[in-house]
Every structure is written in C-alpha cells, then in structure tokens.
C-alpha cells in the first residue's frame, strides 16, 4: 500500500504560486514574440525600403517597431514586478512555518540558527532576480530556431547545432559544479554554526582566551568553503568562456553562411541580418543560464533543505479546545532517551492533585530538567504519558496549553524588548495583568527600580540585566495569567537570600490560589510549602510520597539529595 505523503507548506505555497508563474510564462511568450521586432524590422528595411526607396514606408515601419519595442519594455516591467510580488508572497506564506520548524529543530537538539530563514531568503532572491529569466525564455528558443529555418534550411541547421552545443555546455556545467558547490554549501553551514556558537558564548570565549582556537577551527571550515567555491568558479569560468566563444562564433558563422547564400541568390541581405539577430536571441537564455548557474544551484539546495525541514516539522495538528484545567497532573511510566540512545528517564510515574506542590530532588544528571521539559510538552516522551486533567499534554492546542501553564527553565532566556513585553509573553496584555503577574512573583518592586520600570529595554537575551534580574523576570513570566500549573526548574539558582525568600513567598501564593506547582530544588528553604517529594536517581523515581514521609525514609536509607538531607 502506497503511503499518503502530505505536501509540505513549501510545496503547497509553490503550488499556489505556480498560478502566478504561469502568468509570468504567458508574459514571456509575448515578450519573446515582440523580440522578433528587431529582426523583422531589419529584414523589411534591407529588402523593402532600400530597394524601393520609399521614405514613407521607412517611417511607418519605424513607428510600428517603436510601438512594439515600447510594449516589450512595458511587459518586462510587468514581469519583473510580478516576480517581485510572487517572491514577497512566498516569503510571507512560509516565514511563520519556517520559524516554527526552526524552533522545532532547536527543541530536537538540532539548532540551525538563521539557516532556514537564509534558505527562504535565497529562494525569494532567486525568484526576484534576473537569474530566473532564462528559465522562462529558454522554452522559446525553438521558436526562434524555427523562424531561422524558414529563412533557409541551412541557417536553421546551423542554429540547431549551435543550440545543441550550448545546451550540452550547460549540462556539462551542472555535472562539473554539482560536487564542489554541494561541498561549499555543507562547509558554509558548518562555518556559520561555529560562528553563531562563538557569538552566543562571547563572554566565555573572551574570559578564557578561546578566541584563537575558535578562529582556527572556523578558518578551517571557511577555507573549505573558499576552496570548493573556487573550484566550482574555475570550472564555470571555463565553460562560460567556451559558451561565449561558441555563441559569438556561430554569430560569425551564420553571417558568413548567410553572405554565401546571398551571393548564391538563395537569400536576401535582410534575411542574413535577421538570421544573425534571431540566433543571438535564441542562444542568449542558455548563455545567461550558465552565468547564473551558481545562484540556481544555491536556490535548489535551499529548496531541498527547506522541504526536508518542513517534512520533519509539518506543524501542530488541529486540536480540540479543551476546557480550562483544574491542574491535576498524571505521569505514567514516563521514558526518555538522549539522541545517542542513552536512557535519561526510566518509567517515572506519579500523580498530583490540583493545588499540590511537588519538589523534585536528586543528584546532578538524574533527569530533573528533562522531566520538567516533558511535563510542559517541550519534548515528546519516548514512552509513557504526561496528562493534564486526563488529557495528554500533546493533545492540547499549544497556545491554549500555554495559557494554563507557566515554565521557568534552568537557563532563563529573555527576548529583545521591554520588561513588560517579556512578562506578558510578548503579547499586548493589559497593564494590570502584567503587574499582577509581577506582584504574584514578588518582583514588582525590583522592576520598579529598573531605569524605566516596566518599559526598560533589556536588549538581546536580557543583556542589560543581571542573572538574578533575568531569573526574577522569568519567574514573573511563568506566573503571567495565573496559570493552573507552574513548573520551576531551580527557581532560586541565580538569586540571593532576599530573592530566594521572594520565590518562597510566590510559591505560597500560588498554592493558596490552588495552582499546582512542580519545582526542582537544591536548597532546603524551598521545601516549606511542598506537599510531596519525588526523588530521582539515574533517571528512575526511587521515592515518591508526602514530604515528611519521604524525608524520613531518606534519612533511614542514608540517601544524599543535599536539599532534602539538610531540611530533615
């Protein structure tokens, strides 16, 4: 049975854009027909005007030619503007899907940075460039060859042979440059990713003197890009030079053959000139295609990468709008593996009632942060289920799910914009809702002490804030909208004692409101409002139950989760 493969957003968008491209193709038909104006004009001037000596005929022919060429120029403008609009529409139709898929790649541990958006820009630029014109003009080459054949079969045979030679050179160019251009593309992506990594970790690079070593590695990738591109450029240069020689030589050859036919009385002088112009027009698209081959190959590679990316991330399926949850959490035999197949979580199970507070404790690398990501639906599990009010977290519409869930990851990332924008999750929420979230998190006073309060611009990734301030704003963002479930991964990691007290008070306020709270802790103070404790060890849930009972068992068994042992 043949599997029904759904088209990607890229394929659907190109299918819709094809209607516009068909119109462009129709315009190209009239453009190429109007391109016959010059050879026909030359033919008539040489064979009719010069032999008859009639000035009025010359004036009439010139006026007709001028009007035809004016129409040709107008159609060129229309075609160029149509391609611009098609490329712009394509970008608008795909940019959201491409960004969503890029985020999905990052969640899957394959961050691609700005590569996907660069691929989309490459396709848009190619459609909007002169490099696409030969694709529309080349199909009309046989029309010009046929007109040359009508002037004289010998001239037509010469045109056919020259066109075949140039098409052969175009094919040779494809075969000769495919491997080096493909290698250049792969090396360029590696160099770009190394460059982006260096920028993201600029502080570490500068502090520990890693820049020379990183530059050495980046230079190696960049040199491979230059080597591949130089090899492809050299081969293209040879083929392009040869194709230019062929095109110019056949122009000479067709004039020579035409002159011979004129001397033999088999052709007129006007036919000789017209044949030369027609042949130049017929072969121009092939020569232009060879010159623009690099852009064509780059656009094709971008298309292939985007298509595969969108196949891996087809978008969220339509989900039913579920009622607002109470906050009950059910985890059943939850399993997760690292990309290399190493198990990180092994059959973890527990249940929480609405409004309960769970502390997740355990040594480093026991799977605590992974559990947080699975609870919030950031990653799909390899086995088992996470349910919010009996519904799997991946069955919820993600926007609707986000309204009911707050999440503070271990590494807090903020977005360029104001403090208000970040607390409001980049939405245009009412001011009172934003302030309420900050007050619930206990960070309202801290925000007011910033230079411009809630309107303070924090810069890219919160660069103008301290680590503790970013943690506080991330905490307020997690509590925005009074979610029914809040997951906090080491919420006091970057905070001093005052900040830790604010987090503790915020957990108490959430509990009083009936919000279910799950927090990863390493400090005993944060266990004050905890109802239940889950102890993870090497990815397995070794203890789970009411706080006091779990702490008592830990002391009896001599376990060593630092926060729990200290609290007891």
Protein backbone atom coordinates (compact mmCIF):
# COMPACT_ATOMS: atom_id res chain seq x y z
CA UNK A 1 0.00 0.00 0.00
CA UNK A 2 1.41 3.38 -1.01
CA UNK A 3 1.74 5.76 1.92
CA UNK A 4 -0.14 9.02 1.51
CA UNK A 5 2.56 11.68 1.92
CA UNK A 6 1.15 15.09 2.72
CA UNK A 7 2.74 18.02 0.88
CA UNK A 8 4.85 20.35 2.98
CA UNK A 9 3.92 24.04 3.40
CA UNK A 10 6.72 24.81 0.94
CA UNK A 11 5.23 22.55 -1.72
CA UNK A 12 1.71 23.91 -1.09
CA UNK A 13 2.94 27.50 -1.30
CA UNK A 14 4.85 26.83 -4.52
CA UNK A 15 1.75 25.11 -5.90
CA UNK A 16 -0.29 28.24 -5.21
CA UNK A 17 2.49 30.47 -6.56
CA UNK A 18 2.57 28.40 -9.76
CA UNK A 19 -0.56 30.22 -10.96
CA UNK A 20 1.35 33.47 -10.84
CA UNK A 21 4.34 31.82 -12.52
CA UNK A 22 2.05 30.61 -15.31
CA UNK A 23 1.02 34.22 -15.89
CA UNK A 24 4.71 35.17 -15.97
CA UNK A 25 5.26 32.40 -18.50
CA UNK A 26 2.46 33.80 -20.67
CA UNK A 27 4.06 37.24 -20.46
CA UNK A 28 7.33 35.63 -21.53
CA UNK A 29 5.58 34.29 -24.64
CA UNK A 30 4.58 37.78 -25.72
CA UNK A 31 7.99 39.16 -24.73
CA UNK A 32 9.74 36.66 -26.97
CA UNK A 33 7.29 37.28 -29.81
CA UNK A 34 7.94 41.02 -29.51
CA UNK A 35 11.66 40.24 -29.57
CA UNK A 36 11.10 39.39 -33.25
CA UNK A 37 10.54 43.11 -33.84
CA UNK A 38 14.19 43.96 -34.46
CA UNK A 39 15.00 41.16 -36.95
CA UNK A 40 11.72 41.77 -38.81
CA UNK A 41 12.43 45.49 -38.92
CA UNK A 42 15.95 44.86 -40.29
CA UNK A 43 14.56 42.38 -42.80
CA UNK A 44 11.97 44.88 -44.09
CA UNK A 45 14.43 47.80 -44.20
CA UNK A 46 17.03 45.87 -46.17
CA UNK A 47 14.66 44.07 -48.53
CA UNK A 48 11.86 46.60 -48.98
CA UNK A 49 12.88 50.12 -48.05
CA UNK A 50 16.37 50.12 -49.54
CA UNK A 51 15.16 48.54 -52.75
CA UNK A 52 12.06 50.74 -53.15
CA UNK A 53 13.49 54.00 -51.78
CA UNK A 54 10.12 54.85 -50.17
CA UNK A 55 10.62 57.11 -47.14
CA UNK A 56 7.00 56.80 -46.01
CA UNK A 57 7.47 53.00 -45.77
CA UNK A 58 10.54 53.55 -43.58
CA UNK A 59 8.61 55.94 -41.35
CA UNK A 60 5.71 53.53 -40.99
CA UNK A 61 7.96 50.58 -40.24
CA UNK A 62 9.91 52.62 -37.68
CA UNK A 63 6.72 53.74 -35.93
CA UNK A 64 5.44 50.16 -35.77
CA UNK A 65 8.81 48.92 -34.45
CA UNK A 66 8.92 51.69 -31.84
CA UNK A 67 5.44 50.80 -30.59
CA UNK A 68 6.31 47.09 -30.43
CA UNK A 69 9.53 47.80 -28.52
CA UNK A 70 7.61 50.08 -26.13
CA UNK A 71 5.22 47.20 -25.46
CA UNK A 72 8.20 44.90 -24.93
CA UNK A 73 9.66 47.28 -22.34
CA UNK A 74 6.29 47.54 -20.59
CA UNK A 75 5.94 43.76 -20.44
CA UNK A 76 9.46 43.49 -18.99
CA UNK A 77 8.41 45.87 -16.22
CA UNK A 78 5.22 43.89 -15.59
CA UNK A 79 7.12 40.58 -15.49
CA UNK A 80 9.72 41.93 -13.07
CA UNK A 81 7.05 43.38 -10.77
CA UNK A 82 5.05 40.14 -10.93
CA UNK A 83 8.12 38.12 -9.89
CA UNK A 84 8.77 40.57 -7.04
CA UNK A 85 5.25 40.13 -5.75
CA UNK A 86 5.36 36.35 -6.11
CA UNK A 87 8.62 36.17 -4.15
CA UNK A 88 7.26 38.50 -1.46
CA UNK A 89 4.03 36.49 -1.16
CA UNK A 90 6.04 33.27 -0.92
CA UNK A 91 8.12 34.70 1.93
CA UNK A 92 5.01 35.82 3.81
CA UNK A 93 3.32 32.46 3.28
CA UNK A 94 6.29 30.45 4.53
CA UNK A 95 8.15 32.57 7.08
CA UNK A 96 5.94 31.57 10.04
CA UNK A 97 6.13 27.87 9.16
CA UNK A 98 9.90 28.09 8.69
CA UNK A 99 10.38 29.84 12.04
CA UNK A 100 8.13 27.27 13.74
CA UNK A 101 10.14 24.44 12.18
CA UNK A 102 13.43 26.10 13.23
CA UNK A 103 12.18 26.21 16.82
CA UNK A 104 11.24 22.54 16.48
CA UNK A 105 14.77 21.72 15.32
CA UNK A 106 16.19 23.52 18.34
CA UNK A 107 13.86 21.56 20.66
CA UNK A 108 15.01 18.34 18.99
CA UNK A 109 18.64 19.21 19.76
CA UNK A 110 19.47 20.22 16.18
CA UNK A 111 19.67 24.03 16.37
CA UNK A 112 20.10 25.54 12.91
CA UNK A 113 20.17 29.22 13.84
CA UNK A 114 19.20 31.53 10.99
CA UNK A 115 19.95 28.94 8.29
CA UNK A 116 16.30 28.19 7.43
CA UNK A 117 15.40 31.87 7.12
CA UNK A 118 18.51 32.32 4.98
CA UNK A 119 17.33 29.48 2.74
CA UNK A 120 13.94 31.15 2.36
CA UNK A 121 15.66 34.45 1.52
CA UNK A 122 17.80 32.60 -1.06
CA UNK A 123 14.69 31.26 -2.82
CA UNK A 124 12.96 34.64 -2.65
CA UNK A 125 16.03 36.39 -4.02
CA UNK A 126 16.38 33.93 -6.88
CA UNK A 127 12.76 34.35 -7.96
CA UNK A 128 13.18 38.11 -7.78
CA UNK A 129 16.48 38.16 -9.71
CA UNK A 130 17.49 38.12 -13.35
CA UNK A 131 18.74 34.58 -12.87
CA UNK A 132 15.21 33.19 -13.29
CA UNK A 133 14.59 34.93 -16.63
CA UNK A 134 16.42 32.27 -18.72
CA UNK A 135 14.05 29.64 -17.30
CA UNK A 136 11.11 31.50 -18.86
CA UNK A 137 12.94 32.47 -22.06
CA UNK A 138 14.69 29.17 -22.87
CA UNK A 139 11.47 27.31 -23.88
CA UNK A 140 11.02 29.81 -26.73
CA UNK A 141 14.43 29.08 -28.24
CA UNK A 142 12.84 26.54 -30.67
CA UNK A 143 10.53 29.33 -31.93
CA UNK A 144 13.49 31.47 -32.98
CA UNK A 145 15.24 28.45 -34.48
CA UNK A 146 12.08 27.66 -36.47
CA UNK A 147 11.94 31.21 -37.84
CA UNK A 148 15.61 30.94 -38.87
CA UNK A 149 14.79 27.63 -40.59
CA UNK A 150 12.05 29.38 -42.55
CA UNK A 151 14.60 31.87 -43.84
CA UNK A 152 16.77 28.99 -45.12
CA UNK A 153 17.18 25.33 -44.00
CA UNK A 154 20.99 25.62 -43.90
CA UNK A 155 20.73 28.51 -41.49
CA UNK A 156 18.22 26.50 -39.44
CA UNK A 157 20.57 23.51 -39.23
CA UNK A 158 23.39 25.76 -38.05
CA UNK A 159 21.07 27.21 -35.39
CA UNK A 160 20.03 23.72 -34.23
CA UNK A 161 23.65 22.54 -33.95
CA UNK A 162 24.75 25.67 -32.06
CA UNK A 163 21.79 25.42 -29.66
CA UNK A 164 22.59 21.74 -29.02
CA UNK A 165 26.24 22.60 -28.29
CA UNK A 166 25.26 25.32 -25.81
CA UNK A 167 22.74 23.09 -24.07
CA UNK A 168 25.46 20.45 -23.82
CA UNK A 169 27.77 23.00 -22.21
CA UNK A 170 25.02 23.89 -19.74
CA UNK A 171 24.68 20.19 -18.84
CA UNK A 172 28.45 19.88 -18.50
CA UNK A 173 28.42 22.89 -16.19
CA UNK A 174 25.84 21.15 -13.97
CA UNK A 175 27.88 17.95 -13.78
CA UNK A 176 31.17 19.77 -13.23
CA UNK A 177 29.97 22.09 -10.46
CA UNK A 178 27.46 19.92 -8.58
CA UNK A 179 30.00 18.31 -6.24
CA UNK A 180 32.09 21.43 -5.39
CA UNK A 181 29.03 23.63 -4.92
CA UNK A 182 27.42 20.98 -2.70
CA UNK A 183 30.61 20.73 -0.66
CA UNK A 184 30.74 24.52 -0.40
CA UNK A 185 27.18 24.58 0.91
CA UNK A 186 27.89 21.99 3.61
CA UNK A 187 31.12 23.68 4.69
CA UNK A 188 29.38 27.06 4.73
CA UNK A 189 26.70 25.73 7.09
CA UNK A 190 29.38 24.31 9.41
CA UNK A 191 31.24 27.63 9.43
CA UNK A 192 28.03 29.56 10.07
CA UNK A 193 27.08 27.37 13.03
CA UNK A 194 30.54 27.70 14.54
CA UNK A 195 30.31 31.47 14.09
CA UNK A 196 26.88 31.64 15.78
CA UNK A 197 28.11 29.48 18.66
CA UNK A 198 31.05 31.81 19.23
CA UNK A 199 28.72 34.81 19.34
CA UNK A 200 26.34 33.14 21.79
CA UNK A 201 29.22 32.31 24.11
CA UNK A 202 31.17 35.54 23.65
CA UNK A 203 31.72 36.01 27.40
CA UNK A 204 33.19 32.54 27.88
CA UNK A 205 35.30 32.91 24.74
CA UNK A 206 36.75 36.22 25.91
CA UNK A 207 37.21 35.25 29.56
CA UNK A 208 39.11 32.04 28.87
CA UNK A 209 41.07 33.15 25.81
CA UNK A 210 39.36 30.68 23.49
CA UNK A 211 39.09 33.05 20.53
CA UNK A 212 42.32 31.98 18.72
CA UNK A 213 41.36 28.30 18.92
CA UNK A 214 37.82 29.01 17.71
CA UNK A 215 39.15 31.21 14.92
CA UNK A 216 41.44 28.40 13.85
CA UNK A 217 38.53 25.96 13.62
CA UNK A 218 36.28 28.47 11.90
CA UNK A 219 39.06 29.35 9.46
CA UNK A 220 39.36 25.68 8.54
CA UNK A 221 35.64 25.50 7.67
CA UNK A 222 35.82 28.82 5.85
CA UNK A 223 38.84 27.73 3.83
CA UNK A 224 36.95 24.65 2.71
CA UNK A 225 34.10 26.91 1.56
CA UNK A 226 36.52 29.08 -0.41
CA UNK A 227 38.28 26.06 -1.92
CA UNK A 228 35.03 24.46 -3.09
CA UNK A 229 33.71 27.75 -4.43
CA UNK A 230 36.98 28.49 -6.21
CA UNK A 231 36.94 25.04 -7.82
CA UNK A 232 33.34 25.49 -8.94
CA UNK A 233 34.09 29.05 -10.11
CA UNK A 234 37.07 27.88 -12.15
CA UNK A 235 35.04 25.21 -13.88
CA UNK A 236 32.16 27.59 -14.53
CA UNK A 237 34.58 30.20 -15.88
CA UNK A 238 35.99 27.74 -18.41
CA UNK A 239 32.55 26.58 -19.52
CA UNK A 240 31.17 30.14 -19.58
CA UNK A 241 34.11 31.33 -21.63
CA UNK A 242 33.69 28.43 -24.03
CA UNK A 243 29.96 29.08 -24.32
CA UNK A 244 30.61 32.76 -25.06
CA UNK A 245 33.08 31.76 -27.77
CA UNK A 246 30.55 29.35 -29.26
CA UNK A 247 27.78 31.94 -29.25
CA UNK A 248 29.90 34.66 -30.84
CA UNK A 249 31.47 32.26 -33.32
CA UNK A 250 28.12 30.97 -34.53
CA UNK A 251 27.03 34.61 -34.99
CA UNK A 252 30.02 34.99 -37.29
CA UNK A 253 29.29 31.63 -38.90
CA UNK A 254 25.65 32.45 -39.58
CA UNK A 255 26.65 35.80 -41.11
CA UNK A 256 29.26 34.04 -43.25
CA UNK A 257 26.83 31.34 -44.32
CA UNK A 258 24.16 33.98 -44.93
CA UNK A 259 26.54 36.01 -47.05
CA UNK A 260 27.35 32.92 -49.11
CA UNK A 261 23.65 32.26 -49.62
CA UNK A 262 23.14 35.90 -50.66
CA UNK A 263 25.92 35.52 -53.20
CA UNK A 264 24.26 32.37 -54.46
CA UNK A 265 20.92 34.19 -54.71
CA UNK A 266 19.27 31.87 -52.17
CA UNK A 267 18.82 34.59 -49.51
CA UNK A 268 18.39 38.31 -49.31
CA UNK A 269 20.58 40.70 -47.35
CA UNK A 270 17.74 41.39 -44.94
CA UNK A 271 17.32 37.67 -44.28
CA UNK A 272 21.04 37.37 -43.49
CA UNK A 273 20.90 40.18 -40.88
CA UNK A 274 17.63 38.91 -39.43
CA UNK A 275 19.02 35.39 -39.06
CA UNK A 276 22.03 36.70 -37.13
CA UNK A 277 19.83 38.67 -34.72
CA UNK A 278 17.42 35.77 -34.25
CA UNK A 279 20.23 33.35 -33.47
CA UNK A 280 21.66 35.72 -30.85
CA UNK A 281 18.25 35.94 -29.22
CA UNK A 282 17.75 32.17 -29.37
CA UNK A 283 21.06 31.36 -27.68
CA UNK A 284 21.10 34.18 -25.09
CA UNK A 285 18.97 32.34 -22.46
CA UNK A 286 21.31 29.35 -22.49
CA UNK A 287 24.38 31.53 -22.02
CA UNK A 288 22.65 33.52 -19.27
CA UNK A 289 21.67 30.29 -17.51
CA UNK A 290 25.31 29.17 -17.41
CA UNK A 291 26.31 32.54 -15.94
CA UNK A 292 23.58 32.33 -13.28
CA UNK A 293 24.15 28.65 -12.53
CA UNK A 294 25.65 29.25 -9.08
CA UNK A 295 22.52 31.13 -7.95
CA UNK A 296 20.31 28.39 -9.40
CA UNK A 297 22.22 25.65 -7.57
CA UNK A 298 22.12 27.63 -4.31
CA UNK A 299 18.35 28.13 -4.65
CA UNK A 300 17.86 24.44 -5.40
CA UNK A 301 19.90 23.43 -2.35
CA UNK A 302 17.90 25.87 -0.20
CA UNK A 303 14.68 24.37 -1.53
CA UNK A 304 15.83 20.83 -0.68
CA UNK A 305 16.84 21.83 2.87
CA UNK A 306 13.59 23.69 3.50
CA UNK A 307 11.50 20.83 2.14
CA UNK A 308 13.22 18.31 4.43
CA UNK A 309 12.94 20.69 7.39
CA UNK A 310 9.21 21.21 6.87
CA UNK A 311 8.71 17.47 6.37
CA UNK A 312 10.21 16.89 9.81
CA UNK A 313 8.03 19.62 11.33
CA UNK A 314 4.68 19.67 9.49
CA UNK A 315 3.09 21.87 12.16
CA UNK A 316 0.78 21.16 15.02
CA UNK A 317 -2.33 19.22 14.14
CA UNK A 318 -5.63 20.93 14.84
CA UNK A 319 -6.54 20.30 18.47
CA UNK A 320 -9.88 20.45 20.24
CA UNK A 321 -10.37 23.43 22.53
CA UNK A 322 -10.40 21.70 25.91
CA UNK A 323 -12.00 23.27 28.99
CA UNK A 324 -9.78 25.13 31.44
CA UNK A 325 -7.94 22.55 33.57
CA UNK A 326 -8.10 22.19 37.33
CA UNK A 327 -4.37 21.41 37.47
CA UNK A 328 -4.30 17.65 38.07
CA UNK A 329 -1.07 16.05 36.80
CA UNK A 330 -0.67 12.37 35.98
CA UNK A 331 2.66 10.89 34.88
CA UNK A 332 2.56 7.25 33.79
CA UNK A 333 5.70 5.19 33.03
CA UNK A 334 7.49 8.19 31.50
CA UNK A 335 10.60 7.31 29.49
CA UNK A 336 13.01 9.47 27.52
CA UNK A 337 16.24 8.75 25.67
CA UNK A 338 19.10 11.00 24.62
CA UNK A 339 19.83 11.29 20.86
CA UNK A 340 22.58 8.67 21.29
CA UNK A 341 20.04 6.20 22.75
CA UNK A 342 21.14 6.57 26.36
CA UNK A 343 18.10 6.43 28.72
CA UNK A 344 17.58 9.61 30.74
CA UNK A 345 14.20 8.82 32.34
CA UNK A 346 13.15 5.25 33.12
CA UNK A 347 9.49 4.62 33.82
CA UNK A 348 8.79 7.56 36.12
CA UNK A 349 5.22 7.65 37.50
CA UNK A 350 3.39 9.90 39.95
CA UNK A 351 0.14 11.83 40.38
CA UNK A 352 -0.62 15.27 41.76
CA UNK A 353 -3.95 16.72 42.74
CA UNK A 354 -4.92 20.25 41.82
CA UNK A 355 -3.14 22.78 44.01
CA UNK A 356 -0.46 20.41 45.33
CA UNK A 357 3.21 21.37 45.40
CA UNK A 358 5.80 18.78 44.33
CA UNK A 359 9.55 19.06 44.92
CA UNK A 360 11.77 17.07 42.55
CA UNK A 361 15.15 16.32 44.10
CA UNK A 362 18.13 14.17 43.22
CA UNK A 363 21.78 14.34 42.24
CA UNK A 364 23.04 16.02 39.08
CA UNK A 365 22.23 14.27 35.78
CA UNK A 366 19.36 12.34 37.37
CA UNK A 367 16.83 13.65 34.82
CA UNK A 368 15.19 16.50 36.75
CA UNK A 369 15.38 19.14 33.98
CA UNK A 370 14.34 16.56 31.39
CA UNK A 371 11.28 15.78 33.48
CA UNK A 372 10.38 19.49 33.52
CA UNK A 373 10.60 19.66 29.73
CA UNK A 374 8.38 16.60 29.37
CA UNK A 375 5.84 17.94 31.85
CA UNK A 376 5.49 21.14 29.82
CA UNK A 377 5.35 19.35 26.47
CA UNK A 378 8.64 20.84 25.26
CA UNK A 379 9.87 17.38 24.28
CA UNK A 380 7.75 14.35 23.36
CA UNK A 381 8.45 11.26 25.52
CA UNK A 382 9.82 8.02 24.11
CA UNK A 383 7.35 6.13 26.26
CA UNK A 384 4.56 6.77 28.72
CA UNK A 385 2.33 9.81 29.11
CA UNK A 386 2.07 13.15 30.85
CA UNK A 387 -1.54 14.19 31.36
CA UNK A 388 -3.07 17.46 32.46
CA UNK A 389 -6.59 16.78 33.74
CA UNK A 390 -6.59 13.37 31.97
CA UNK A 391 -5.62 14.91 28.57
CA UNK A 392 -2.16 14.21 27.18
CA UNK A 393 -0.13 17.43 27.15
CA UNK A 394 0.50 16.97 23.41
CA UNK A 395 -3.26 16.72 22.74
CA UNK A 396 -3.73 20.33 23.83
CA UNK A 397 -3.55 23.22 21.45
CA UNK A 398 -0.14 24.71 22.28
CA UNK A 399 -1.42 28.28 22.60
CA UNK A 400 -4.28 27.16 24.83
CA UNK A 401 -1.95 24.93 26.85
CA UNK A 402 0.44 27.85 27.34
CA UNK A 403 -2.31 29.97 28.86
CA UNK A 404 -2.71 27.43 31.65
CA UNK A 405 0.95 26.54 32.22
CA UNK A 406 3.92 28.54 33.46
CA UNK A 407 7.51 27.38 32.99
CA UNK A 408 10.80 28.70 34.34
CA UNK A 409 13.69 26.76 32.74
CA UNK A 410 17.04 26.32 34.41
CA UNK A 411 18.69 28.67 31.89
CA UNK A 412 16.43 31.71 31.58
CA UNK A 413 16.32 33.27 28.12
CA UNK A 414 14.60 36.62 27.59
CA UNK A 415 13.65 38.32 24.34
CA UNK A 416 14.70 41.68 22.95
CA UNK A 417 12.08 44.19 24.05
CA UNK A 418 10.88 45.72 27.28
CA UNK A 419 10.46 44.10 30.68
CA UNK A 420 6.70 44.41 30.19
CA UNK A 421 6.89 42.55 26.85
CA UNK A 422 8.75 39.67 28.44
CA UNK A 423 6.47 39.36 31.47
CA UNK A 424 3.45 39.46 29.13
CA UNK A 425 4.98 36.66 26.97
CA UNK A 426 5.32 39.14 24.07
CA UNK A 427 1.56 39.77 23.92
CA UNK A 428 -0.41 43.02 24.21
CA UNK A 429 -1.93 42.09 27.55
CA UNK A 430 -3.49 44.79 29.78
CA UNK A 431 -1.06 46.53 32.12
CA UNK A 432 -2.92 45.34 35.20
CA UNK A 433 -2.43 41.69 34.14
CA UNK A 434 1.30 42.23 33.71
CA UNK A 435 1.62 43.97 37.08
CA UNK A 436 -0.45 41.22 38.75
CA UNK A 437 1.98 38.58 37.46
CA UNK A 438 4.96 40.56 38.77
CA UNK A 439 3.29 41.02 42.14
CA UNK A 440 2.43 37.32 42.32
CA UNK A 441 6.10 36.52 41.64
CA UNK A 442 7.21 39.10 44.20
CA UNK A 443 9.31 41.06 41.69
CA UNK A 444 7.14 44.17 41.24
CA UNK A 445 9.38 46.35 43.43
CA UNK A 446 12.52 45.09 41.69
CA UNK A 447 11.08 46.02 38.29
CA UNK A 448 10.10 49.49 39.51
CA UNK A 449 13.74 50.11 40.49
CA UNK A 450 14.94 49.49 36.92
CA UNK A 451 15.83 52.65 34.93
CA UNK A 452 12.46 52.82 33.12
CA UNK A 453 10.47 50.38 35.21
CA UNK A 454 8.30 48.08 33.15
CA UNK A 455 9.28 49.86 29.91
CA UNK A 456 13.01 49.23 30.42
CA UNK A 457 14.53 47.81 27.25
CA UNK A 458 16.53 44.75 28.23
CA UNK A 459 18.44 44.21 24.98
CA UNK A 460 19.02 40.90 23.20
CA UNK A 461 18.63 37.94 25.61
CA UNK A 462 18.36 40.35 28.56
CA UNK A 463 21.95 41.54 28.13
CA UNK A 464 21.41 44.67 30.25
CA UNK A 465 20.18 42.70 33.28
CA UNK A 466 21.98 40.68 35.91
CA UNK A 467 21.47 36.94 36.17
CA UNK A 468 19.23 37.41 39.21
CA UNK A 469 17.11 40.04 37.46
CA UNK A 470 16.64 37.76 34.47
CA UNK A 471 15.60 34.98 36.85
CA UNK A 472 13.03 37.27 38.51
CA UNK A 473 11.52 38.40 35.19
CA UNK A 474 11.43 34.78 34.02
CA UNK A 475 9.56 33.90 37.22
CA UNK A 476 7.00 36.65 36.61
CA UNK A 477 6.60 35.42 33.02
CA UNK A 478 5.91 31.92 34.31
CA UNK A 479 3.15 33.28 36.56
CA UNK A 480 1.58 35.54 33.92
CA UNK A 481 -2.16 34.98 33.58
CA UNK A 482 -2.44 32.94 36.82
CA UNK A 483 -1.74 29.53 35.23
CA UNK A 484 -3.15 26.35 36.75
CA UNK A 485 0.23 24.55 36.62
CA UNK A 486 3.65 26.13 37.18
CA UNK A 487 6.92 24.23 36.61
CA UNK A 488 10.03 25.82 38.13
CA UNK A 489 13.45 24.34 37.38
CA UNK A 490 15.77 25.57 40.16
CA UNK A 491 13.95 28.91 40.54
CA UNK A 492 16.45 30.32 43.05
CA UNK A 493 19.63 29.30 41.23
CA UNK A 494 20.76 32.89 40.50
CA UNK A 495 19.15 34.60 43.49
CA UNK A 496 20.46 35.83 46.81
CA UNK A 497 18.71 35.20 50.13
CA UNK A 498 16.23 38.04 49.54
CA UNK A 499 15.37 36.70 46.09
CA UNK A 500 15.02 33.19 47.45
CA UNK A 501 12.57 34.47 50.07
CA UNK A 502 10.55 36.13 47.29
CA UNK A 503 10.41 32.81 45.40
CA UNK A 504 9.30 31.02 48.56
CA UNK A 505 6.53 33.58 49.13
CA UNK A 506 5.47 33.30 45.48
CA UNK A 507 5.12 29.51 45.81
CA UNK A 508 2.97 30.08 48.88
CA UNK A 509 0.73 32.50 46.99
CA UNK A 510 0.39 30.05 44.10
CA UNK A 511 -0.55 27.27 46.49
CA UNK A 512 -3.13 29.50 48.16
CA UNK A 513 -4.70 30.14 44.74
CA UNK A 514 -4.96 26.41 44.04
CA UNK A 515 -2.16 26.33 41.44
CA UNK A 516 -0.26 23.06 41.05
CA UNK A 517 3.47 23.71 41.42
CA UNK A 518 6.35 21.41 40.43
CA UNK A 519 9.81 22.66 41.35
CA UNK A 520 13.32 21.31 41.14
CA UNK A 521 15.14 22.27 44.33
CA UNK A 522 18.61 22.07 45.80
CA UNK A 523 18.00 24.39 48.78
CA UNK A 524 16.06 23.24 51.85
CA UNK A 525 14.15 26.52 52.40
CA UNK A 526 12.08 25.95 49.26
CA UNK A 527 10.58 22.80 50.77
CA UNK A 528 8.43 24.87 53.16
CA UNK A 529 5.23 24.77 51.07
CA UNK A 530 5.89 21.36 49.49
CA UNK A 531 3.24 18.65 49.81
CA UNK A 532 5.01 15.80 48.05
CA UNK A 533 8.59 14.90 47.10
CA UNK A 534 9.87 12.91 44.12
CA UNK A 535 13.42 11.59 44.38
CA UNK A 536 15.13 10.81 41.08
CA UNK A 537 18.28 8.74 40.79
CA UNK A 538 19.85 7.81 37.44
CA UNK A 539 16.56 8.59 35.69
CA UNK A 540 14.34 6.46 37.90
CA UNK A 541 11.85 7.61 40.52
CA UNK A 542 13.18 5.90 43.64
CA UNK A 543 10.90 7.63 46.18
CA UNK A 544 7.60 9.48 45.92
CA UNK A 545 5.06 10.50 48.52
CA UNK A 546 4.19 13.06 51.18
CA UNK A 547 7.09 15.30 52.09
CA UNK A 548 7.61 14.24 55.70
CA UNK A 549 7.36 10.53 54.94
CA UNK A 550 9.84 10.75 52.04
CA UNK A 551 12.29 12.80 54.11
CA UNK A 552 12.07 10.24 56.92
CA UNK A 553 12.80 7.36 54.52
CA UNK A 554 15.73 9.27 53.04
CA UNK A 555 17.27 9.63 56.49
CA UNK A 556 16.71 5.96 57.26
CA UNK A 557 18.22 4.81 53.94
CA UNK A 558 21.12 7.25 54.14
CA UNK A 559 20.42 8.84 50.76
CA UNK A 560 22.24 12.03 49.80
CA UNK A 561 19.99 14.53 47.99
CA UNK A 562 21.60 17.65 49.55
CA UNK A 563 18.48 19.79 49.93
CA UNK A 564 16.41 17.02 51.45
CA UNK A 565 19.05 15.85 53.86
CA UNK A 566 19.65 19.38 55.07
CA UNK A 567 15.93 20.05 55.52
CA UNK A 568 15.43 16.98 57.61
